[in-house]
Amino acid sequence: MKKNWVIFFIFWYTFIVLFLPLLALFNKIIEIPFDVFIKRACEPIAVSTYLTTITMAFIASLWNTFFGFIIAWIVTRYNFPGKKILDSCIDLPFALPTSVAGLTLVTVYSEDEFVGSLLCKWNIEVVFTKTGVIIAMIFVSFPFVVRTIQPVLQEIEKELEEVAWSLGASPWKTFTKVIFPSLFPTILTAASLAFSRSIGEYGSIVIISSNFPFKDLITSVLIFQSLEQYDYIGATIIGTVALIISLILLLSINFFQSVMTTK
């Protein structure tokens, strides 16, 4: 009896928190004529934001997956002064408001500051460019990679590595043949979480990017601009397309992950 109540609670809580808003969105979409939906969803500005958002999020997730894995490995496997401070700072983007993150990034990478002026000497512009969008996405999604990989690294048995070493395997071969295959599904999960977080980012990007169409305008900012202009139909259509694209990409990643796991 108790188990049934738990299942009932989980079902209704998930329905109210997750599925009910999505149903409300799709119910709104049903009221819009199909030809209007296609016309607004395929507008050049909208298509440009889809491509920009997906491309920038993909680059940010790849970057975070690579360096996030390295940091998770270092924090898990080594002891050094300041380790606890570094481990605590990883969660900073979780607690920091994204608008504050955007303001901070603009301050750091502006031409008047040391880092920004140094990059300008190399003809690298960050603020109000796609580079700034990528950096903002990297900043907000970075903890998802580290915190996903770190617990799995901690649970890997040291004995497996010692057995590989005793059989004559080099450290690199031990990593590629013993450690990495067991971590690969987790790395895919971490990458998908970082990708999803990057796609949905708004607060920091709206500050660090110029938000110009066909330049660095992303989908979430376009939705907000549509709402500012009281274009609720356009915002609903673009939001629905972004949702569908995200679901397709996430389901594809999960399918690929399940295939790799079964192998």
Protein backbone atom coordinates (compact mmCIF):
# COMPACT_ATOMS: atom_id res chain seq x y z
CA MET A 1 0.00 0.00 0.00
CA LYS A 2 2.80 2.37 0.90
CA LYS A 3 4.57 1.60 -2.36
CA ASN A 4 1.44 2.49 -4.36
CA TRP A 5 1.22 5.86 -2.63
CA VAL A 6 4.87 6.57 -3.46
CA ILE A 7 4.32 5.72 -7.12
CA PHE A 8 1.16 7.84 -7.17
CA PHE A 9 3.01 10.81 -5.66
CA ILE A 10 5.93 10.50 -8.08
CA PHE A 11 3.59 10.26 -11.06
CA TRP A 12 1.55 13.33 -10.17
CA TYR A 13 4.54 15.38 -9.08
CA THR A 14 6.29 14.66 -12.40
CA PHE A 15 3.09 15.41 -14.30
CA ILE A 16 2.54 18.77 -12.60
CA VAL A 17 6.15 19.94 -12.67
CA LEU A 18 7.26 18.61 -16.06
CA PHE A 19 4.46 17.50 -18.36
CA LEU A 20 1.73 20.01 -17.50
CA PRO A 21 3.70 23.06 -18.76
CA LEU A 22 4.60 21.16 -21.93
CA LEU A 23 0.97 20.19 -22.48
CA ALA A 24 -0.06 23.81 -22.01
CA LEU A 25 2.48 24.85 -24.65
CA PHE A 26 1.32 22.24 -27.14
CA ASN A 27 -2.30 23.12 -26.45
CA LYS A 28 -1.46 26.70 -27.42
CA ILE A 29 0.25 25.46 -30.58
CA ILE A 30 -2.80 23.46 -31.66
CA GLU A 31 -4.78 26.69 -31.90
CA ILE A 32 -2.33 28.11 -34.45
CA PRO A 33 -2.97 27.23 -38.15
CA PHE A 34 -0.37 24.88 -39.58
CA ASP A 35 0.63 27.18 -42.44
CA VAL A 36 1.19 30.04 -39.98
CA PHE A 37 3.29 27.75 -37.78
CA ILE A 38 5.51 26.66 -40.69
CA LYS A 39 5.87 30.22 -41.99
CA ARG A 40 6.92 31.66 -38.62
CA ALA A 41 9.08 28.69 -37.66
CA CYS A 42 11.01 28.83 -40.94
CA GLU A 43 11.61 32.57 -41.05
CA PRO A 44 15.26 33.36 -41.91
CA ILE A 45 15.88 35.01 -38.53
CA ALA A 46 14.42 32.05 -36.64
CA VAL A 47 16.42 29.50 -38.66
CA SER A 48 19.56 31.53 -38.08
CA THR A 49 19.01 31.48 -34.31
CA TYR A 50 18.43 27.70 -34.35
CA LEU A 51 21.71 27.10 -36.16
CA THR A 52 23.62 29.59 -34.01
CA THR A 53 22.29 28.17 -30.77
CA ILE A 54 22.95 24.53 -31.67
CA THR A 55 26.42 25.25 -33.09
CA MET A 56 27.55 27.36 -30.13
CA ALA A 57 26.11 24.88 -27.62
CA PHE A 58 27.83 21.99 -29.38
CA ILE A 59 31.21 23.75 -29.29
CA ALA A 60 30.74 24.69 -25.62
CA SER A 61 29.76 21.13 -24.66
CA LEU A 62 32.79 19.66 -26.46
CA TRP A 63 35.09 22.12 -24.73
CA ASN A 64 33.56 21.45 -21.33
CA THR A 65 33.61 17.69 -21.83
CA PHE A 66 37.34 17.70 -22.55
CA PHE A 67 38.49 20.09 -19.85
CA GLY A 68 35.78 19.04 -17.39
CA PHE A 69 37.03 15.46 -17.59
CA ILE A 70 40.60 16.61 -16.92
CA ILE A 71 39.57 18.66 -13.89
CA ALA A 72 37.35 15.87 -12.55
CA TRP A 73 40.30 13.47 -12.92
CA ILE A 74 42.70 15.82 -11.13
CA VAL A 75 40.30 16.57 -8.28
CA THR A 76 39.52 12.88 -7.83
CA ARG A 77 42.96 11.33 -8.23
CA TYR A 78 45.38 13.89 -6.76
CA ASN A 79 45.87 15.77 -3.50
CA PHE A 80 47.32 19.26 -3.65
CA PRO A 81 47.08 22.56 -1.77
CA GLY A 82 43.83 24.36 -2.51
CA LYS A 83 42.03 21.22 -3.69
CA LYS A 84 38.97 21.87 -1.52
CA ILE A 85 38.79 25.47 -2.71
CA LEU A 86 38.94 24.36 -6.34
CA ASP A 87 36.31 21.70 -5.71
CA SER A 88 34.00 24.28 -4.14
CA CYS A 89 34.52 26.83 -6.91
CA ILE A 90 33.33 24.32 -9.52
CA ASP A 91 29.78 24.79 -8.22
CA LEU A 92 29.95 28.59 -8.46
CA PRO A 93 27.96 28.83 -11.73
CA PHE A 94 25.14 26.92 -9.99
CA ALA A 95 24.75 29.62 -7.35
CA LEU A 96 25.63 32.69 -9.41
CA PRO A 97 22.72 34.43 -11.18
CA THR A 98 23.27 34.19 -14.91
CA SER A 99 22.85 37.93 -15.37
CA VAL A 100 25.68 38.47 -12.89
CA ALA A 101 27.75 35.92 -14.80
CA GLY A 102 27.15 37.85 -18.02
CA LEU A 103 28.10 41.14 -16.38
CA THR A 104 31.25 39.56 -14.99
CA LEU A 105 32.25 38.13 -18.35
CA VAL A 106 31.69 41.49 -20.05
CA THR A 107 33.87 43.15 -17.42
CA VAL A 108 36.67 40.61 -17.82
CA TYR A 109 36.69 40.48 -21.62
CA SER A 110 35.98 44.12 -22.44
CA GLU A 111 38.65 46.02 -24.34
CA ASP A 112 39.32 48.25 -21.32
CA GLU A 113 40.35 45.37 -19.07
CA PHE A 114 43.63 43.41 -19.04
CA VAL A 115 42.34 40.14 -20.52
CA GLY A 116 40.20 41.84 -23.14
CA SER A 117 42.93 44.26 -24.19
CA LEU A 118 45.42 41.39 -24.44
CA LEU A 119 43.05 39.44 -26.69
CA CYS A 120 42.46 42.53 -28.82
CA LYS A 121 46.19 42.65 -29.58
CA TRP A 122 45.72 39.22 -31.14
CA ASN A 123 42.61 40.44 -33.00
CA ILE A 124 40.33 38.31 -30.83
CA GLU A 125 37.06 39.98 -29.89
CA VAL A 126 34.86 38.39 -27.23
CA VAL A 127 32.20 40.86 -26.15
CA PHE A 128 29.27 41.20 -28.60
CA THR A 129 30.47 38.28 -30.74
CA LYS A 130 29.81 34.55 -31.09
CA THR A 131 32.98 33.93 -29.09
CA GLY A 132 31.35 35.64 -26.13
CA VAL A 133 28.27 33.42 -26.56
CA ILE A 134 30.46 30.32 -26.44
CA ILE A 135 32.32 31.53 -23.36
CA ALA A 136 29.04 32.27 -21.57
CA MET A 137 27.74 28.80 -22.43
CA ILE A 138 30.99 27.24 -21.23
CA PHE A 139 30.77 29.11 -17.94
CA VAL A 140 27.19 28.13 -17.06
CA SER A 141 27.40 24.48 -18.19
CA PHE A 142 30.86 23.60 -16.88
CA PRO A 143 29.76 22.19 -13.46
CA PHE A 144 27.40 19.70 -15.12
CA VAL A 145 30.33 17.87 -16.71
CA VAL A 146 32.57 17.77 -13.63
CA ARG A 147 29.82 16.78 -11.19
CA THR A 148 28.58 14.03 -13.51
CA ILE A 149 31.98 12.44 -14.12
CA GLN A 150 33.48 12.92 -10.66
CA PRO A 151 31.34 10.38 -8.70
CA VAL A 152 31.92 7.68 -11.33
CA LEU A 153 35.67 8.26 -11.20
CA GLN A 154 35.57 7.89 -7.42
CA GLU A 155 33.79 4.54 -7.71
CA ILE A 156 36.19 2.98 -10.20
CA GLU A 157 38.12 0.26 -8.42
CA LYS A 158 41.84 0.88 -8.18
CA GLU A 159 42.41 -2.87 -8.35
CA LEU A 160 41.46 -2.89 -12.05
CA GLU A 161 44.27 -0.50 -12.86
CA GLU A 162 46.71 -2.42 -10.68
CA VAL A 163 45.84 -5.66 -12.46
CA ALA A 164 46.42 -3.99 -15.84
CA TRP A 165 49.77 -2.67 -14.67
CA SER A 166 50.78 -6.07 -13.32
CA LEU A 167 50.05 -7.56 -16.74
CA GLY A 168 52.43 -5.09 -18.35
CA ALA A 169 50.00 -2.44 -19.61
CA SER A 170 51.31 1.12 -19.78
CA PRO A 171 49.42 3.92 -17.99
CA TRP A 172 48.06 5.16 -21.32
CA LYS A 173 46.91 1.69 -22.38
CA THR A 174 45.35 1.15 -18.96
CA PHE A 175 43.42 4.38 -19.39
CA THR A 176 42.23 3.67 -22.94
CA LYS A 177 41.42 -0.02 -22.46
CA VAL A 178 40.26 -0.22 -18.83
CA ILE A 179 39.16 3.17 -17.49
CA PHE A 180 37.79 5.04 -20.52
CA PRO A 181 35.35 2.36 -21.77
CA SER A 182 33.62 2.28 -18.38
CA LEU A 183 33.51 6.08 -18.29
CA PHE A 184 32.29 6.62 -21.85
CA PRO A 185 28.52 6.42 -21.11
CA THR A 186 29.01 8.87 -18.22
CA ILE A 187 30.99 11.22 -20.45
CA LEU A 188 28.16 11.14 -22.99
CA THR A 189 25.67 11.96 -20.23
CA ALA A 190 27.84 14.84 -19.05
CA ALA A 191 28.17 16.18 -22.59
CA SER A 192 24.40 15.99 -23.15
CA LEU A 193 23.71 17.82 -19.88
CA ALA A 194 26.18 20.56 -20.80
CA PHE A 195 24.65 20.78 -24.27
CA SER A 196 21.12 21.05 -22.88
CA ARG A 197 22.14 23.70 -20.36
CA SER A 198 23.88 25.71 -23.08
CA ILE A 199 20.86 25.62 -25.38
CA GLY A 200 18.61 26.99 -22.62
CA GLU A 201 20.96 29.74 -21.45
CA TYR A 202 19.65 33.31 -21.62
CA GLY A 203 20.72 35.63 -18.79
CA SER A 204 24.46 35.75 -19.41
CA ILE A 205 24.23 35.62 -23.21
CA VAL A 206 21.81 38.51 -23.52
CA ILE A 207 24.44 40.70 -21.83
CA ILE A 208 27.64 39.52 -23.51
CA SER A 209 26.28 39.21 -27.07
CA SER A 210 25.13 41.98 -29.41
CA ASN A 211 21.82 40.14 -30.01
CA PHE A 212 21.84 41.12 -33.69
CA PRO A 213 20.01 38.84 -36.14
CA PHE A 214 22.26 36.72 -38.40
CA LYS A 215 25.23 37.53 -36.15
CA ASP A 216 25.03 36.16 -32.62
CA LEU A 217 21.31 36.14 -31.83
CA ILE A 218 20.24 32.88 -30.16
CA THR A 219 16.81 31.31 -29.88
CA SER A 220 16.10 32.11 -26.22
CA VAL A 221 16.86 35.80 -26.78
CA LEU A 222 14.69 35.85 -29.91
CA ILE A 223 11.81 34.42 -27.87
CA PHE A 224 12.21 37.16 -25.28
CA GLN A 225 12.40 39.83 -27.99
CA SER A 226 9.15 38.48 -29.44
CA LEU A 227 7.49 38.69 -26.02
CA GLU A 228 8.71 42.28 -25.61
CA GLN A 229 6.94 43.11 -28.88
CA TYR A 230 3.78 41.31 -27.69
CA ASP A 231 4.27 38.73 -30.43
CA TYR A 232 3.03 35.84 -28.31
CA ILE A 233 2.28 33.63 -31.31
CA GLY A 234 5.81 34.02 -32.67
CA ALA A 235 7.35 33.37 -29.25
CA THR A 236 5.21 30.25 -28.81
CA ILE A 237 6.11 28.89 -32.24
CA ILE A 238 9.84 29.52 -31.88
CA GLY A 239 9.80 28.09 -28.35
CA THR A 240 8.04 24.95 -29.59
CA VAL A 241 10.56 24.45 -32.38
CA ALA A 242 13.43 24.88 -29.92
CA LEU A 243 11.77 22.34 -27.63
CA ILE A 244 11.34 19.83 -30.45
CA ILE A 245 14.95 20.25 -31.59
CA SER A 246 16.21 19.79 -28.03
CA LEU A 247 14.10 16.66 -27.54
CA ILE A 248 15.30 15.14 -30.81
CA LEU A 249 18.93 15.82 -29.99
CA LEU A 250 18.65 14.52 -26.43
CA LEU A 251 16.80 11.37 -27.51
CA SER A 252 19.43 10.76 -30.17
CA ILE A 253 22.21 11.12 -27.61
CA ASN A 254 20.42 8.82 -25.17
CA PHE A 255 19.85 6.24 -27.91
CA PHE A 256 23.50 6.34 -28.91
CA GLN A 257 24.48 6.07 -25.25
CA SER A 258 22.28 3.01 -24.74
CA VAL A 259 23.72 1.37 -27.86
CA MET A 260 27.27 1.97 -26.65
CA THR A 261 26.40 0.64 -23.20
CA THR A 262 24.97 -2.62 -24.56
CA LYS A 263 28.10 -3.16 -26.61
